[in-house]
Amino acid sequence: MIIEPLTKFVKDSTYLVKKCTKPDHKEFAKVARATGLGFLLMGFIGFFVKLVHIPINNIIMGGM
């Protein structure tokens, strides 16, 4: 039936929410630092790819 999987999902979801805890300041700072580093790294990668792509595109397109 369709009711049984829904009740199991609700029970599992409430169990998960009860087990979850808020991160303390140290854990939050660690996650925030890792996320910021990831953003910076992806930004630099995108910048350098664009930096390399512009001259190559100009060579291929012949400087139109």
N, C-alpha and C. Protein backbone atom coordinates (compact mmCIF):
# COMPACT_ATOMS: atom_id res chain seq x y z
N MET A 1 0.83 -1.20 0.00
CA MET A 1 0.00 0.00 0.00
C MET A 1 0.86 1.25 0.00
N ILE A 2 0.23 2.36 -0.24
CA ILE A 2 0.97 3.62 -0.32
C ILE A 2 1.18 4.25 1.06
N ILE A 3 0.39 3.89 2.03
CA ILE A 3 0.48 4.49 3.37
C ILE A 3 1.72 4.00 4.11
N GLU A 4 2.06 2.73 3.97
CA GLU A 4 3.18 2.15 4.72
C GLU A 4 4.51 2.83 4.43
N PRO A 5 4.90 3.05 3.16
CA PRO A 5 6.17 3.75 2.93
C PRO A 5 6.16 5.19 3.46
N LEU A 6 5.00 5.83 3.41
CA LEU A 6 4.92 7.20 3.92
C LEU A 6 5.12 7.25 5.43
N THR A 7 4.51 6.33 6.17
CA THR A 7 4.68 6.32 7.62
C THR A 7 6.12 5.98 7.98
N LYS A 8 6.74 5.07 7.24
CA LYS A 8 8.14 4.74 7.49
C LYS A 8 9.02 5.95 7.24
N PHE A 9 8.74 6.70 6.17
CA PHE A 9 9.50 7.91 5.86
C PHE A 9 9.36 8.94 6.97
N VAL A 10 8.15 9.13 7.47
CA VAL A 10 7.91 10.10 8.53
C VAL A 10 8.66 9.69 9.80
N LYS A 11 8.61 8.41 10.15
CA LYS A 11 9.31 7.92 11.34
C LYS A 11 10.81 8.11 11.20
N ASP A 12 11.36 7.75 10.03
CA ASP A 12 12.79 7.92 9.80
C ASP A 12 13.20 9.40 9.82
N SER A 13 12.36 10.24 9.28
CA SER A 13 12.65 11.68 9.25
C SER A 13 12.64 12.27 10.65
N THR A 14 11.66 11.91 11.47
CA THR A 14 11.62 12.44 12.83
C THR A 14 12.80 11.93 13.65
N TYR A 15 13.21 10.68 13.42
CA TYR A 15 14.38 10.12 14.11
C TYR A 15 15.63 10.90 13.73
N LEU A 16 15.77 11.22 12.44
CA LEU A 16 16.94 11.97 11.98
C LEU A 16 16.97 13.37 12.58
N VAL A 17 15.84 14.04 12.61
CA VAL A 17 15.79 15.40 13.15
C VAL A 17 16.10 15.40 14.64
N LYS A 18 15.64 14.39 15.36
CA LYS A 18 15.93 14.31 16.80
C LYS A 18 17.41 14.06 17.05
N LYS A 19 18.07 13.31 16.16
CA LYS A 19 19.48 12.99 16.34
C LYS A 19 20.41 14.14 15.94
N CYS A 20 19.92 15.05 15.08
CA CYS A 20 20.75 16.16 14.61
C CYS A 20 20.98 17.16 15.73
N THR A 21 22.19 17.70 15.76
CA THR A 21 22.52 18.73 16.74
C THR A 21 23.11 19.92 16.01
N LYS A 22 23.00 21.08 16.62
CA LYS A 22 23.61 22.28 16.05
C LYS A 22 25.13 22.17 16.22
N PRO A 23 25.88 22.65 15.24
CA PRO A 23 27.33 22.62 15.39
C PRO A 23 27.77 23.68 16.40
N ASP A 24 28.83 23.37 17.13
CA ASP A 24 29.37 24.37 18.03
C ASP A 24 30.18 25.38 17.21
N HIS A 25 30.70 26.40 17.88
CA HIS A 25 31.39 27.48 17.17
C HIS A 25 32.61 26.96 16.42
N LYS A 26 33.35 26.06 17.02
CA LYS A 26 34.57 25.54 16.40
C LYS A 26 34.24 24.75 15.12
N GLU A 27 33.22 23.90 15.20
CA GLU A 27 32.83 23.10 14.04
C GLU A 27 32.27 23.99 12.93
N PHE A 28 31.47 25.00 13.31
CA PHE A 28 30.91 25.91 12.32
C PHE A 28 32.02 26.69 11.62
N ALA A 29 33.01 27.15 12.37
CA ALA A 29 34.11 27.90 11.77
C ALA A 29 34.90 27.02 10.81
N LYS A 30 35.07 25.76 11.17
CA LYS A 30 35.80 24.83 10.30
C LYS A 30 35.06 24.61 8.98
N VAL A 31 33.76 24.41 9.05
CA VAL A 31 32.95 24.21 7.85
C VAL A 31 32.92 25.48 7.01
N ALA A 32 32.78 26.63 7.65
CA ALA A 32 32.74 27.91 6.93
C ALA A 32 34.07 28.17 6.23
N ARG A 33 35.18 27.85 6.89
CA ARG A 33 36.51 28.04 6.31
C ARG A 33 36.69 27.13 5.09
N ALA A 34 36.27 25.88 5.21
CA ALA A 34 36.38 24.94 4.10
C ALA A 34 35.52 25.38 2.92
N THR A 35 34.31 25.88 3.20
CA THR A 35 33.43 26.35 2.13
C THR A 35 34.02 27.58 1.45
N GLY A 36 34.54 28.51 2.22
CA GLY A 36 35.16 29.70 1.64
C GLY A 36 36.37 29.36 0.80
N LEU A 37 37.17 28.43 1.27
CA LEU A 37 38.34 28.00 0.50
C LEU A 37 37.91 27.35 -0.80
N GLY A 38 36.83 26.58 -0.77
CA GLY A 38 36.31 25.97 -1.99
C GLY A 38 35.83 27.01 -2.98
N PHE A 39 35.14 28.04 -2.49
CA PHE A 39 34.68 29.12 -3.37
C PHE A 39 35.88 29.83 -4.00
N LEU A 40 36.89 30.14 -3.21
CA LEU A 40 38.07 30.82 -3.74
C LEU A 40 38.78 29.96 -4.77
N LEU A 41 38.93 28.69 -4.47
CA LEU A 41 39.62 27.78 -5.39
C LEU A 41 38.86 27.68 -6.72
N MET A 42 37.56 27.51 -6.66
CA MET A 42 36.77 27.42 -7.89
C MET A 42 36.80 28.75 -8.66
N GLY A 43 36.83 29.86 -7.95
CA GLY A 43 36.92 31.17 -8.60
C GLY A 43 38.24 31.34 -9.34
N PHE A 44 39.34 30.95 -8.69
CA PHE A 44 40.64 31.05 -9.34
C PHE A 44 40.75 30.12 -10.54
N ILE A 45 40.21 28.93 -10.42
CA ILE A 45 40.23 27.99 -11.55
C ILE A 45 39.45 28.59 -12.72
N GLY A 46 38.26 29.12 -12.46
CA GLY A 46 37.47 29.74 -13.51
C GLY A 46 38.16 30.94 -14.13
N PHE A 47 38.83 31.74 -13.30
CA PHE A 47 39.55 32.90 -13.79
C PHE A 47 40.68 32.49 -14.72
N PHE A 48 41.47 31.51 -14.31
CA PHE A 48 42.60 31.08 -15.14
C PHE A 48 42.15 30.37 -16.41
N VAL A 49 41.07 29.63 -16.35
CA VAL A 49 40.53 29.01 -17.57
C VAL A 49 40.10 30.10 -18.54
N LYS A 50 39.41 31.12 -18.04
CA LYS A 50 38.99 32.23 -18.90
C LYS A 50 40.20 32.98 -19.43
N LEU A 51 41.22 33.16 -18.59
CA LEU A 51 42.44 33.86 -18.99
C LEU A 51 43.15 33.12 -20.12
N VAL A 52 43.17 31.82 -20.09
CA VAL A 52 43.81 31.02 -21.13
C VAL A 52 42.90 30.93 -22.35
N HIS A 53 41.61 30.89 -22.14
CA HIS A 53 40.66 30.70 -23.25
C HIS A 53 40.60 31.91 -24.18
N ILE A 54 40.74 33.13 -23.67
CA ILE A 54 40.61 34.33 -24.50
C ILE A 54 41.67 34.37 -25.60
N PRO A 55 42.97 34.21 -25.30
CA PRO A 55 43.96 34.23 -26.39
C PRO A 55 43.79 33.07 -27.36
N ILE A 56 43.45 31.90 -26.87
CA ILE A 56 43.25 30.75 -27.75
C ILE A 56 42.07 31.01 -28.68
N ASN A 57 41.00 31.58 -28.16
CA ASN A 57 39.83 31.88 -28.96
C ASN A 57 40.18 32.93 -30.03
N ASN A 58 40.99 33.92 -29.66
CA ASN A 58 41.39 34.93 -30.64
C ASN A 58 42.25 34.32 -31.74
N ILE A 59 43.11 33.37 -31.43
CA ILE A 59 43.93 32.71 -32.43
C ILE A 59 43.04 31.89 -33.37
N ILE A 60 42.10 31.15 -32.80
CA ILE A 60 41.23 30.30 -33.61
C ILE A 60 40.32 31.14 -34.50
N MET A 61 39.73 32.18 -33.94
CA MET A 61 38.78 32.99 -34.71
C MET A 61 39.49 34.00 -35.61
N GLY A 62 40.78 34.15 -35.46
CA GLY A 62 41.54 35.04 -36.35
C GLY A 62 41.40 36.52 -36.01
N GLY A 63 41.08 36.82 -34.77
CA GLY A 63 41.02 38.23 -34.36
C GLY A 63 39.93 39.02 -35.05
N MET A 64 38.79 38.42 -35.26
CA MET A 64 37.68 39.09 -35.94
C MET A 64 37.35 40.29 -35.13
